[in-house]
Amino acid sequence: MIVRKFAIADASFERSPGQDGNVFTGNLIDQRDGGPITIGYGRYGPNEKLEETLAVDDVMIVLEGRLSVSTNTGTVTAGPGEIVYMPEGAPVLIRSHEQGAVTAYVTYPHWQEALD
């Protein structure tokens, strides 16, 4: 694989699987590229919720807005420039705040394969 650079404009956003709200993902690198990780952008509308048990290790970097991530051990809130790590198997509730949020993410292994 060659070295590549991405911008949010390169992402093709799709509704996050199993969600009916305004939560979208845009993979830029995934299993089709032959690497071990998935890299992409996430977009959350205002006051959205995403609840799931993580099938992969997930790192989320907040680029715009604010998100709160709650687990059975507590809640963390992150804003621009902050990183949230969510381990595989963790039940999480991700909530965007009133301005919504844009994130970049890295998962290991590929989250789409883990959903199958």
PDB file of N, CA and C in Angstrom:
ATOM      1  N   MET A   1       0.846  -1.174   0.000  1.00  0.00           N
ATOM      2  CA  MET A   1       0.000   0.000   0.000  1.00  0.00           C
ATOM      3  C   MET A   1       0.891   1.237   0.000  1.00  0.00           C
ATOM      4  N   ILE A   2       0.478   2.247  -0.727  1.00  0.00           N
ATOM      5  CA  ILE A   2       1.232   3.488  -0.789  1.00  0.00           C
ATOM      6  C   ILE A   2       0.799   4.441   0.321  1.00  0.00           C
ATOM      7  N   VAL A   3       1.629   5.411   0.611  1.00  0.00           N
ATOM      8  CA  VAL A   3       1.286   6.439   1.585  1.00  0.00           C
ATOM      9  C   VAL A   3       0.210   7.323   0.970  1.00  0.00           C
ATOM     10  N   ARG A   4      -0.822   7.617   1.750  1.00  0.00           N
ATOM     11  CA  ARG A   4      -1.936   8.416   1.241  1.00  0.00           C
ATOM     12  C   ARG A   4      -2.321   9.471   2.268  1.00  0.00           C
ATOM     13  N   LYS A   5      -2.914  10.539   1.785  1.00  0.00           N
ATOM     14  CA  LYS A   5      -3.401  11.624   2.636  1.00  0.00           C
ATOM     15  C   LYS A   5      -4.886  11.806   2.339  1.00  0.00           C
ATOM     16  N   PHE A   6      -5.666  12.135   3.378  1.00  0.00           N
ATOM     17  CA  PHE A   6      -7.107  12.286   3.209  1.00  0.00           C
ATOM     18  C   PHE A   6      -7.597  13.579   3.838  1.00  0.00           C
ATOM     19  N   ALA A   7      -8.718  14.062   3.316  1.00  0.00           N
ATOM     20  CA  ALA A   7      -9.452  15.186   3.895  1.00  0.00           C
ATOM     21  C   ALA A   7     -10.903  14.752   4.043  1.00  0.00           C
ATOM     22  N   ILE A   8     -11.650  15.460   4.857  1.00  0.00           N
ATOM     23  CA  ILE A   8     -13.044  15.090   5.073  1.00  0.00           C
ATOM     24  C   ILE A   8     -13.833  15.100   3.760  1.00  0.00           C
ATOM     25  N   ALA A   9     -13.443  15.937   2.820  1.00  0.00           N
ATOM     26  CA  ALA A   9     -14.126  15.993   1.524  1.00  0.00           C
ATOM     27  C   ALA A   9     -13.967  14.690   0.735  1.00  0.00           C
ATOM     28  N   ASP A  10     -12.998  13.864   1.091  1.00  0.00           N
ATOM     29  CA  ASP A  10     -12.780  12.580   0.411  1.00  0.00           C
ATOM     30  C   ASP A  10     -13.740  11.498   0.882  1.00  0.00           C
ATOM     31  N   ALA A  11     -14.400  11.710   1.993  1.00  0.00           N
ATOM     32  CA  ALA A  11     -15.276  10.686   2.586  1.00  0.00           C
ATOM     33  C   ALA A  11     -16.646  10.683   1.917  1.00  0.00           C
ATOM     34  N   SER A  12     -17.144   9.476   1.681  1.00  0.00           N
ATOM     35  CA  SER A  12     -18.514   9.286   1.207  1.00  0.00           C
ATOM     36  C   SER A  12     -19.317   8.764   2.401  1.00  0.00           C
ATOM     37  N   PHE A  13     -20.132   9.621   2.997  1.00  0.00           N
ATOM     38  CA  PHE A  13     -20.820   9.287   4.240  1.00  0.00           C
ATOM     39  C   PHE A  13     -22.060   8.428   3.990  1.00  0.00           C
ATOM     40  N   GLU A  14     -22.227   7.424   4.867  1.00  0.00           N
ATOM     41  CA  GLU A  14     -23.401   6.553   4.868  1.00  0.00           C
ATOM     42  C   GLU A  14     -23.928   6.484   6.292  1.00  0.00           C
ATOM     43  N   ARG A  15     -25.227   6.288   6.413  1.00  0.00           N
ATOM     44  CA  ARG A  15     -25.817   6.163   7.753  1.00  0.00           C
ATOM     45  C   ARG A  15     -25.138   5.016   8.497  1.00  0.00           C
ATOM     46  N   SER A  16     -24.817   5.260   9.752  1.00  0.00           N
ATOM     47  CA  SER A  16     -24.173   4.244  10.570  1.00  0.00           C
ATOM     48  C   SER A  16     -25.080   3.015  10.652  1.00  0.00           C
ATOM     49  N   PRO A  17     -24.537   1.800  10.447  1.00  0.00           N
ATOM     50  CA  PRO A  17     -25.358   0.586  10.426  1.00  0.00           C
ATOM     51  C   PRO A  17     -26.226   0.431  11.673  1.00  0.00           C
ATOM     52  N   GLY A  18     -27.481   0.108  11.458  1.00  0.00           N
ATOM     53  CA  GLY A  18     -28.409  -0.132  12.549  1.00  0.00           C
ATOM     54  C   GLY A  18     -28.945   1.135  13.199  1.00  0.00           C
ATOM     55  N   GLN A  19     -28.631   2.291  12.650  1.00  0.00           N
ATOM     56  CA  GLN A  19     -29.054   3.564  13.229  1.00  0.00           C
ATOM     57  C   GLN A  19     -30.091   4.225  12.325  1.00  0.00           C
ATOM     58  N   ASP A  20     -31.022   4.945  12.900  1.00  0.00           N
ATOM     59  CA  ASP A  20     -31.963   5.688  12.075  1.00  0.00           C
ATOM     60  C   ASP A  20     -31.842   7.190  12.286  1.00  0.00           C
ATOM     61  N   GLY A  21     -30.926   7.616  13.130  1.00  0.00           N
ATOM     62  CA  GLY A  21     -30.706   9.037  13.369  1.00  0.00           C
ATOM     63  C   GLY A  21     -29.687   9.609  12.407  1.00  0.00           C
ATOM     64  N   ASN A  22     -29.244  10.807  12.697  1.00  0.00           N
ATOM     65  CA  ASN A  22     -28.257  11.492  11.861  1.00  0.00           C
ATOM     66  C   ASN A  22     -26.845  11.203  12.349  1.00  0.00           C
ATOM     67  N   VAL A  23     -26.455   9.923  12.233  1.00  0.00           N
ATOM     68  CA  VAL A  23     -25.115   9.470  12.571  1.00  0.00           C
ATOM     69  C   VAL A  23     -24.569   8.775  11.325  1.00  0.00           C
ATOM     70  N   PHE A  24     -23.454   9.300  10.802  1.00  0.00           N
ATOM     71  CA  PHE A  24     -22.928   8.815   9.529  1.00  0.00           C
ATOM     72  C   PHE A  24     -21.450   8.469   9.652  1.00  0.00           C
ATOM     73  N   THR A  25     -21.014   7.481   8.872  1.00  0.00           N
ATOM     74  CA  THR A  25     -19.611   7.100   8.803  1.00  0.00           C
ATOM     75  C   THR A  25     -19.140   7.213   7.365  1.00  0.00           C
ATOM     76  N   GLY A  26     -17.868   7.484   7.211  1.00  0.00           N
ATOM     77  CA  GLY A  26     -17.259   7.555   5.892  1.00  0.00           C
ATOM     78  C   GLY A  26     -15.888   6.916   5.919  1.00  0.00           C
ATOM     79  N   ASN A  27     -15.829   5.611   5.632  1.00  0.00           N
ATOM     80  CA  ASN A  27     -14.538   4.922   5.612  1.00  0.00           C
ATOM     81  C   ASN A  27     -13.672   5.438   4.463  1.00  0.00           C
ATOM     82  N   LEU A  28     -12.389   5.606   4.749  1.00  0.00           N
ATOM     83  CA  LEU A  28     -11.423   5.987   3.719  1.00  0.00           C
ATOM     84  C   LEU A  28     -10.450   4.856   3.436  1.00  0.00           C
ATOM     85  N   ILE A  29     -10.107   4.095   4.467  1.00  0.00           N
ATOM     86  CA  ILE A  29      -9.276   2.891   4.349  1.00  0.00           C
ATOM     87  C   ILE A  29     -10.005   1.800   5.106  1.00  0.00           C
ATOM     88  N   ASP A  30     -10.165   0.643   4.484  1.00  0.00           N
ATOM     89  CA  ASP A  30     -10.797  -0.481   5.173  1.00  0.00           C
ATOM     90  C   ASP A  30     -10.295  -1.792   4.594  1.00  0.00           C
ATOM     91  N   GLN A  31     -11.023  -2.871   4.834  1.00  0.00           N
ATOM     92  CA  GLN A  31     -10.581  -4.205   4.433  1.00  0.00           C
ATOM     93  C   GLN A  31     -10.307  -4.312   2.936  1.00  0.00           C
ATOM     94  N   ARG A  32     -10.938  -3.499   2.142  1.00  0.00           N
ATOM     95  CA  ARG A  32     -10.731  -3.547   0.685  1.00  0.00           C
ATOM     96  C   ARG A  32      -9.344  -3.064   0.297  1.00  0.00           C
ATOM     97  N   ASP A  33      -8.662  -2.354   1.203  1.00  0.00           N
ATOM     98  CA  ASP A  33      -7.343  -1.811   0.906  1.00  0.00           C
ATOM     99  C   ASP A  33      -6.208  -2.713   1.378  1.00  0.00           C
ATOM    100  N   GLY A  34      -6.536  -3.787   2.087  1.00  0.00           N
ATOM    101  CA  GLY A  34      -5.529  -4.758   2.487  1.00  0.00           C
ATOM    102  C   GLY A  34      -4.784  -4.454   3.774  1.00  0.00           C
ATOM    103  N   GLY A  35      -5.053  -3.331   4.412  1.00  0.00           N
ATOM    104  CA  GLY A  35      -4.395  -3.008   5.679  1.00  0.00           C
ATOM    105  C   GLY A  35      -5.143  -3.614   6.854  1.00  0.00           C
ATOM    106  N   PRO A  36      -4.585  -3.537   8.065  1.00  0.00           N
ATOM    107  CA  PRO A  36      -5.200  -4.158   9.242  1.00  0.00           C
ATOM    108  C   PRO A  36      -6.227  -3.276   9.960  1.00  0.00           C
ATOM    109  N   ILE A  37      -6.346  -1.990   9.585  1.00  0.00           N
ATOM    110  CA  ILE A  37      -7.217  -1.066  10.305  1.00  0.00           C
ATOM    111  C   ILE A  37      -8.199  -0.385   9.361  1.00  0.00           C
ATOM    112  N   THR A  38      -9.255   0.156   9.948  1.00  0.00           N
ATOM    113  CA  THR A  38     -10.186   1.013   9.212  1.00  0.00           C
ATOM    114  C   THR A  38      -9.968   2.442   9.690  1.00  0.00           C
ATOM    115  N   ILE A  39      -9.919   3.382   8.736  1.00  0.00           N
ATOM    116  CA  ILE A  39      -9.756   4.799   9.026  1.00  0.00           C
ATOM    117  C   ILE A  39     -10.875   5.550   8.326  1.00  0.00           C
ATOM    118  N   GLY A  40     -11.483   6.507   9.020  1.00  0.00           N
ATOM    119  CA  GLY A  40     -12.532   7.288   8.374  1.00  0.00           C
ATOM    120  C   GLY A  40     -12.957   8.465   9.213  1.00  0.00           C
ATOM    121  N   TYR A  41     -14.064   9.056   8.784  1.00  0.00           N
ATOM    122  CA  TYR A  41     -14.665  10.197   9.476  1.00  0.00           C
ATOM    123  C   TYR A  41     -16.065   9.827   9.929  1.00  0.00           C
ATOM    124  N   GLY A  42     -16.488  10.409  11.037  1.00  0.00           N
ATOM    125  CA  GLY A  42     -17.851  10.257  11.524  1.00  0.00           C
ATOM    126  C   GLY A  42     -18.514  11.626  11.610  1.00  0.00           C
ATOM    127  N   ARG A  43     -19.806  11.644  11.385  1.00  0.00           N
ATOM    128  CA  ARG A  43     -20.558  12.900  11.475  1.00  0.00           C
ATOM    129  C   ARG A  43     -21.824  12.640  12.285  1.00  0.00           C
ATOM    130  N   TYR A  44     -22.023  13.412  13.334  1.00  0.00           N
ATOM    131  CA  TYR A  44     -23.163  13.287  14.237  1.00  0.00           C
ATOM    132  C   TYR A  44     -23.979  14.567  14.169  1.00  0.00           C
ATOM    133  N   GLY A  45     -25.273  14.444  13.928  1.00  0.00           N
ATOM    134  CA  GLY A  45     -26.158  15.599  14.007  1.00  0.00           C
ATOM    135  C   GLY A  45     -26.305  16.032  15.447  1.00  0.00           C
ATOM    136  N   PRO A  46     -26.960  17.169  15.676  1.00  0.00           N
ATOM    137  CA  PRO A  46     -27.167  17.657  17.042  1.00  0.00           C
ATOM    138  C   PRO A  46     -27.974  16.671  17.889  1.00  0.00           C
ATOM    139  N   ASN A  47     -27.529  16.478  19.125  1.00  0.00           N
ATOM    140  CA  ASN A  47     -28.246  15.678  20.122  1.00  0.00           C
ATOM    141  C   ASN A  47     -28.596  14.264  19.647  1.00  0.00           C
ATOM    142  N   GLU A  48     -27.674  13.634  18.962  1.00  0.00           N
ATOM    143  CA  GLU A  48     -27.877  12.251  18.500  1.00  0.00           C
ATOM    144  C   GLU A  48     -27.292  11.274  19.507  1.00  0.00           C
ATOM    145  N   LYS A  49     -27.786  10.029  19.464  1.00  0.00           N
ATOM    146  CA  LYS A  49     -27.304   8.955  20.332  1.00  0.00           C
ATOM    147  C   LYS A  49     -26.972   7.736  19.490  1.00  0.00           C
ATOM    148  N   LEU A  50     -25.881   7.084  19.835  1.00  0.00           N
ATOM    149  CA  LEU A  50     -25.502   5.819  19.211  1.00  0.00           C
ATOM    150  C   LEU A  50     -25.153   4.885  20.361  1.00  0.00           C
ATOM    151  N   GLU A  51     -25.890   3.788  20.477  1.00  0.00           N
ATOM    152  CA  GLU A  51     -25.682   2.843  21.577  1.00  0.00           C
ATOM    153  C   GLU A  51     -25.329   1.490  20.993  1.00  0.00           C
ATOM    154  N   GLU A  52     -24.201   0.922  21.441  1.00  0.00           N
ATOM    155  CA  GLU A  52     -23.794  -0.392  20.958  1.00  0.00           C
ATOM    156  C   GLU A  52     -22.716  -0.980  21.851  1.00  0.00           C
ATOM    157  N   THR A  53     -22.505  -2.270  21.685  1.00  0.00           N
ATOM    158  CA  THR A  53     -21.370  -2.940  22.306  1.00  0.00           C
ATOM    159  C   THR A  53     -20.316  -3.063  21.217  1.00  0.00           C
ATOM    160  N   LEU A  54     -19.143  -2.533  21.472  1.00  0.00           N
ATOM    161  CA  LEU A  54     -18.113  -2.451  20.434  1.00  0.00           C
ATOM    162  C   LEU A  54     -17.564  -3.819  20.059  1.00  0.00           C
ATOM    163  N   ALA A  55     -17.548  -4.075  18.762  1.00  0.00           N
ATOM    164  CA  ALA A  55     -17.018  -5.327  18.237  1.00  0.00           C
ATOM    165  C   ALA A  55     -15.538  -5.206  17.885  1.00  0.00           C
ATOM    166  N   VAL A  56     -14.973  -3.995  18.009  1.00  0.00           N
ATOM    167  CA  VAL A  56     -13.576  -3.722  17.663  1.00  0.00           C
ATOM    168  C   VAL A  56     -13.013  -2.705  18.648  1.00  0.00           C
ATOM    169  N   ASP A  57     -11.698  -2.557  18.689  1.00  0.00           N
ATOM    170  CA  ASP A  57     -11.086  -1.433  19.395  1.00  0.00           C
ATOM    171  C   ASP A  57     -11.304  -0.197  18.533  1.00  0.00           C
ATOM    172  N   ASP A  58     -11.737   0.905  19.133  1.00  0.00           N
ATOM    173  CA  ASP A  58     -12.117   2.102  18.389  1.00  0.00           C
ATOM    174  C   ASP A  58     -11.459   3.328  19.012  1.00  0.00           C
ATOM    175  N   VAL A  59     -10.783   4.102  18.194  1.00  0.00           N
ATOM    176  CA  VAL A  59     -10.192   5.369  18.610  1.00  0.00           C
ATOM    177  C   VAL A  59     -10.911   6.468  17.843  1.00  0.00           C
ATOM    178  N   MET A  60     -11.430   7.466  18.557  1.00  0.00           N
ATOM    179  CA  MET A  60     -12.183   8.543  17.940  1.00  0.00           C
ATOM    180  C   MET A  60     -11.520   9.874  18.314  1.00  0.00           C
ATOM    181  N   ILE A  61     -11.196  10.674  17.286  1.00  0.00           N
ATOM    182  CA  ILE A  61     -10.613  11.991  17.487  1.00  0.00           C
ATOM    183  C   ILE A  61     -11.688  13.021  17.155  1.00  0.00           C
ATOM    184  N   VAL A  62     -12.044  13.861  18.102  1.00  0.00           N
ATOM    185  CA  VAL A  62     -13.073  14.875  17.853  1.00  0.00           C
ATOM    186  C   VAL A  62     -12.429  16.043  17.109  1.00  0.00           C
ATOM    187  N   LEU A  63     -13.002  16.366  15.959  1.00  0.00           N
ATOM    188  CA  LEU A  63     -12.509  17.469  15.140  1.00  0.00           C
ATOM    189  C   LEU A  63     -13.347  18.731  15.319  1.00  0.00           C
ATOM    190  N   GLU A  64     -14.657  18.552  15.453  1.00  0.00           N
ATOM    191  CA  GLU A  64     -15.582  19.669  15.637  1.00  0.00           C
ATOM    192  C   GLU A  64     -16.673  19.238  16.610  1.00  0.00           C
ATOM    193  N   GLY A  65     -17.212  20.176  17.367  1.00  0.00           N
ATOM    194  CA  GLY A  65     -18.315  19.876  18.275  1.00  0.00           C
ATOM    195  C   GLY A  65     -17.865  19.177  19.538  1.00  0.00           C
ATOM    196  N   ARG A  66     -18.821  18.490  20.171  1.00  0.00           N
ATOM    197  CA  ARG A  66     -18.545  17.770  21.418  1.00  0.00           C
ATOM    198  C   ARG A  66     -19.319  16.460  21.417  1.00  0.00           C
ATOM    199  N   LEU A  67     -18.702  15.441  22.031  1.00  0.00           N
ATOM    200  CA  LEU A  67     -19.329  14.134  22.219  1.00  0.00           C
ATOM    201  C   LEU A  67     -19.129  13.694  23.656  1.00  0.00           C
ATOM    202  N   SER A  68     -20.101  12.968  24.180  1.00  0.00           N
ATOM    203  CA  SER A  68     -19.942  12.296  25.465  1.00  0.00           C
ATOM    204  C   SER A  68     -20.051  10.800  25.212  1.00  0.00           C
ATOM    205  N   VAL A  69     -19.164  10.045  25.828  1.00  0.00           N
ATOM    206  CA  VAL A  69     -19.173   8.589  25.708  1.00  0.00           C
ATOM    207  C   VAL A  69     -19.362   8.024  27.106  1.00  0.00           C
ATOM    208  N   SER A  70     -20.460   7.278  27.279  1.00  0.00           N
ATOM    209  CA  SER A  70     -20.776   6.689  28.581  1.00  0.00           C
ATOM    210  C   SER A  70     -20.615   5.181  28.524  1.00  0.00           C
ATOM    211  N   THR A  71     -20.049   4.628  29.599  1.00  0.00           N
ATOM    212  CA  THR A  71     -19.936   3.179  29.776  1.00  0.00           C
ATOM    213  C   THR A  71     -20.414   2.872  31.187  1.00  0.00           C
ATOM    214  N   ASN A  72     -20.305   1.610  31.562  1.00  0.00           N
ATOM    215  CA  ASN A  72     -20.715   1.241  32.914  1.00  0.00           C
ATOM    216  C   ASN A  72     -19.742   1.771  33.972  1.00  0.00           C
ATOM    217  N   THR A  73     -18.618   2.359  33.549  1.00  0.00           N
ATOM    218  CA  THR A  73     -17.652   2.901  34.510  1.00  0.00           C
ATOM    219  C   THR A  73     -17.665   4.426  34.571  1.00  0.00           C
ATOM    220  N   GLY A  74     -18.495   5.084  33.756  1.00  0.00           N
ATOM    221  CA  GLY A  74     -18.563   6.539  33.806  1.00  0.00           C
ATOM    222  C   GLY A  74     -18.729   7.155  32.429  1.00  0.00           C
ATOM    223  N   THR A  75     -18.588   8.476  32.385  1.00  0.00           N
ATOM    224  CA  THR A  75     -18.769   9.242  31.149  1.00  0.00           C
ATOM    225  C   THR A  75     -17.574  10.158  30.941  1.00  0.00           C
ATOM    226  N   VAL A  76     -17.109  10.221  29.693  1.00  0.00           N
ATOM    227  CA  VAL A  76     -16.094  11.198  29.304  1.00  0.00           C
ATOM    228  C   VAL A  76     -16.701  12.084  28.225  1.00  0.00           C
ATOM    229  N   THR A  77     -16.344  13.354  28.249  1.00  0.00           N
ATOM    230  CA  THR A  77     -16.779  14.290  27.217  1.00  0.00           C
ATOM    231  C   THR A  77     -15.536  14.817  26.523  1.00  0.00           C
ATOM    232  N   ALA A  78     -15.588  14.862  25.185  1.00  0.00           N
ATOM    233  CA  ALA A  78     -14.432  15.288  24.406  1.00  0.00           C
ATOM    234  C   ALA A  78     -14.839  16.350  23.403  1.00  0.00           C
ATOM    235  N   GLY A  79     -13.924  17.292  23.192  1.00  0.00           N
ATOM    236  CA  GLY A  79     -14.115  18.347  22.217  1.00  0.00           C
ATOM    237  C   GLY A  79     -12.969  18.357  21.225  1.00  0.00           C
ATOM    238  N   PRO A  80     -12.906  19.371  20.381  1.00  0.00           N
ATOM    239  CA  PRO A  80     -11.898  19.424  19.319  1.00  0.00           C
ATOM    240  C   PRO A  80     -10.474  19.177  19.815  1.00  0.00           C
ATOM    241  N   GLY A  81      -9.796  18.264  19.135  1.00  0.00           N
ATOM    242  CA  GLY A  81      -8.423  17.921  19.473  1.00  0.00           C
ATOM    243  C   GLY A  81      -8.284  16.841  20.522  1.00  0.00           C
ATOM    244  N   GLU A  82      -9.387  16.374  21.082  1.00  0.00           N
ATOM    245  CA  GLU A  82      -9.311  15.337  22.111  1.00  0.00           C
ATOM    246  C   GLU A  82      -9.627  13.967  21.516  1.00  0.00           C
ATOM    247  N   ILE A  83      -9.066  12.936  22.137  1.00  0.00           N
ATOM    248  CA  ILE A  83      -9.150  11.556  21.650  1.00  0.00           C
ATOM    249  C   ILE A  83      -9.853  10.701  22.685  1.00  0.00           C
ATOM    250  N   VAL A  84     -10.752   9.832  22.212  1.00  0.00           N
ATOM    251  CA  VAL A  84     -11.432   8.878  23.083  1.00  0.00           C
ATOM    252  C   VAL A  84     -11.087   7.470  22.585  1.00  0.00           C
ATOM    253  N   TYR A  85     -10.605   6.621  23.484  1.00  0.00           N
ATOM    254  CA  TYR A  85     -10.337   5.209  23.177  1.00  0.00           C
ATOM    255  C   TYR A  85     -11.445   4.364  23.781  1.00  0.00           C
ATOM    256  N   MET A  86     -12.021   3.481  22.962  1.00  0.00           N
ATOM    257  CA  MET A  86     -13.089   2.586  23.416  1.00  0.00           C
ATOM    258  C   MET A  86     -12.671   1.154  23.082  1.00  0.00           C
ATOM    259  N   PRO A  87     -12.454   0.318  24.106  1.00  0.00           N
ATOM    260  CA  PRO A  87     -11.973  -1.038  23.855  1.00  0.00           C
ATOM    261  C   PRO A  87     -13.064  -1.981  23.344  1.00  0.00           C
ATOM    262  N   GLU A  88     -12.628  -2.968  22.596  1.00  0.00           N
ATOM    263  CA  GLU A  88     -13.531  -4.014  22.107  1.00  0.00           C
ATOM    264  C   GLU A  88     -14.303  -4.615  23.280  1.00  0.00           C
ATOM    265  N   GLY A  89     -15.587  -4.845  23.078  1.00  0.00           N
ATOM    266  CA  GLY A  89     -16.435  -5.457  24.095  1.00  0.00           C
ATOM    267  C   GLY A  89     -17.129  -4.469  25.016  1.00  0.00           C
ATOM    268  N   ALA A  90     -16.732  -3.198  24.952  1.00  0.00           N
ATOM    269  CA  ALA A  90     -17.328  -2.199  25.843  1.00  0.00           C
ATOM    270  C   ALA A  90     -18.715  -1.787  25.349  1.00  0.00           C
ATOM    271  N   PRO A  91     -19.719  -1.854  26.219  1.00  0.00           N
ATOM    272  CA  PRO A  91     -21.020  -1.283  25.850  1.00  0.00           C
ATOM    273  C   PRO A  91     -20.919   0.241  26.007  1.00  0.00           C
ATOM    274  N   VAL A  92     -21.209   0.984  24.939  1.00  0.00           N
ATOM    275  CA  VAL A  92     -21.065   2.444  24.974  1.00  0.00           C
ATOM    276  C   VAL A  92     -22.347   3.132  24.518  1.00  0.00           C
ATOM    277  N   LEU A  93     -22.531   4.329  25.041  1.00  0.00           N
ATOM    278  CA  LEU A  93     -23.561   5.245  24.564  1.00  0.00           C
ATOM    279  C   LEU A  93     -22.811   6.512  24.174  1.00  0.00           C
ATOM    280  N   ILE A  94     -22.793   6.811  22.863  1.00  0.00           N
ATOM    281  CA  ILE A  94     -22.139   8.008  22.356  1.00  0.00           C
ATOM    282  C   ILE A  94     -23.228   9.037  22.092  1.00  0.00           C
ATOM    283  N   ARG A  95     -23.079  10.218  22.692  1.00  0.00           N
ATOM    284  CA  ARG A  95     -24.068  11.288  22.518  1.00  0.00           C
ATOM    285  C   ARG A  95     -23.382  12.540  21.994  1.00  0.00           C
ATOM    286  N   SER A  96     -23.948  13.107  20.940  1.00  0.00           N
ATOM    287  CA  SER A  96     -23.466  14.407  20.486  1.00  0.00           C
ATOM    288  C   SER A  96     -24.206  15.491  21.259  1.00  0.00           C
ATOM    289  N   HIS A  97     -23.614  16.656  21.328  1.00  0.00           N
ATOM    290  CA  HIS A  97     -24.221  17.780  22.026  1.00  0.00           C
ATOM    291  C   HIS A  97     -24.976  18.649  21.021  1.00  0.00           C
ATOM    292  N   GLU A  98     -25.442  19.801  21.449  1.00  0.00           N
ATOM    293  CA  GLU A  98     -26.347  20.604  20.632  1.00  0.00           C
ATOM    294  C   GLU A  98     -25.766  21.043  19.293  1.00  0.00           C
ATOM    295  N   GLN A  99     -24.458  21.124  19.151  1.00  0.00           N
ATOM    296  CA  GLN A  99     -23.875  21.543  17.883  1.00  0.00           C
ATOM    297  C   GLN A  99     -23.500  20.361  16.981  1.00  0.00           C
ATOM    298  N   GLY A 100     -23.743  19.115  17.426  1.00  0.00           N
ATOM    299  CA  GLY A 100     -23.328  17.953  16.645  1.00  0.00           C
ATOM    300  C   GLY A 100     -21.825  17.766  16.769  1.00  0.00           C
ATOM    301  N   ALA A 101     -21.268  16.886  15.932  1.00  0.00           N
ATOM    302  CA  ALA A 101     -19.827  16.627  16.008  1.00  0.00           C
ATOM    303  C   ALA A 101     -19.325  16.003  14.716  1.00  0.00           C
ATOM    304  N   VAL A 102     -18.047  16.238  14.463  1.00  0.00           N
ATOM    305  CA  VAL A 102     -17.320  15.570  13.384  1.00  0.00           C
ATOM    306  C   VAL A 102     -16.115  14.914  14.035  1.00  0.00           C
ATOM    307  N   THR A 103     -15.882  13.650  13.683  1.00  0.00           N
ATOM    308  CA  THR A 103     -14.766  12.899  14.258  1.00  0.00           C
ATOM    309  C   THR A 103     -13.946  12.249  13.147  1.00  0.00           C
ATOM    310  N   ALA A 104     -12.746  11.863  13.503  1.00  0.00           N
ATOM    311  CA  ALA A 104     -11.959  10.935  12.695  1.00  0.00           C
ATOM    312  C   ALA A 104     -11.854   9.675  13.544  1.00  0.00           C
ATOM    313  N   TYR A 105     -11.825   8.499  12.907  1.00  0.00           N
ATOM    314  CA  TYR A 105     -11.743   7.267  13.684  1.00  0.00           C
ATOM    315  C   TYR A 105     -10.764   6.286  13.072  1.00  0.00           C
ATOM    316  N   VAL A 106     -10.260   5.427  13.954  1.00  0.00           N
ATOM    317  CA  VAL A 106      -9.420   4.289  13.568  1.00  0.00           C
ATOM    318  C   VAL A 106      -9.948   3.101  14.349  1.00  0.00           C
ATOM    319  N   THR A 107     -10.217   1.996  13.649  1.00  0.00           N
ATOM    320  CA  THR A 107     -10.641   0.777  14.342  1.00  0.00           C
ATOM    321  C   THR A 107      -9.721  -0.378  13.990  1.00  0.00           C
ATOM    322  N   TYR A 108      -9.587  -1.291  14.947  1.00  0.00           N
ATOM    323  CA  TYR A 108      -8.852  -2.533  14.723  1.00  0.00           C
ATOM    324  C   TYR A 108      -9.638  -3.656  15.392  1.00  0.00           C
ATOM    325  N   PRO A 109      -9.929  -4.716  14.691  1.00  0.00           N
ATOM    326  CA  PRO A 109      -9.809  -4.844  13.240  1.00  0.00           C
ATOM    327  C   PRO A 109     -10.897  -4.030  12.547  1.00  0.00           C
ATOM    328  N   HIS A 110     -11.208  -4.379  11.325  1.00  0.00           N
ATOM    329  CA  HIS A 110     -12.192  -3.638  10.529  1.00  0.00           C
ATOM    330  C   HIS A 110     -13.590  -3.779  11.123  1.00  0.00           C
ATOM    331  N   TRP A 111     -14.237  -2.653  11.416  1.00  0.00           N
ATOM    332  CA  TRP A 111     -15.553  -2.694  12.057  1.00  0.00           C
ATOM    333  C   TRP A 111     -16.614  -3.322  11.170  1.00  0.00           C
ATOM    334  N   GLN A 112     -16.552  -3.138   9.860  1.00  0.00           N
ATOM    335  CA  GLN A 112     -17.569  -3.729   8.990  1.00  0.00           C
ATOM    336  C   GLN A 112     -17.513  -5.253   9.002  1.00  0.00           C
ATOM    337  N   GLU A 113     -16.320  -5.808   9.021  1.00  0.00           N
ATOM    338  CA  GLU A 113     -16.173  -7.256   9.085  1.00  0.00           C
ATOM    339  C   GLU A 113     -16.661  -7.799  10.429  1.00  0.00           C
ATOM    340  N   ALA A 114     -16.443  -7.046  11.491  1.00  0.00           N
ATOM    341  CA  ALA A 114     -16.848  -7.486  12.822  1.00  0.00           C
ATOM    342  C   ALA A 114     -18.355  -7.519  12.980  1.00  0.00           C
ATOM    343  N   LEU A 115     -19.091  -6.745  12.176  1.00  0.00           N
ATOM    344  CA  LEU A 115     -20.550  -6.738  12.247  1.00  0.00           C
ATOM    345  C   LEU A 115     -21.190  -7.938  11.569  1.00  0.00           C
ATOM    346  N   ASP A 116     -20.452  -8.585  10.682  1.00  0.00           N
ATOM    347  CA  ASP A 116     -20.992  -9.753   9.949  1.00  0.00           C
ATOM    348  C   ASP A 116     -21.168 -10.959  10.824  1.00  0.00           C
TER     349      ASP A 116
END
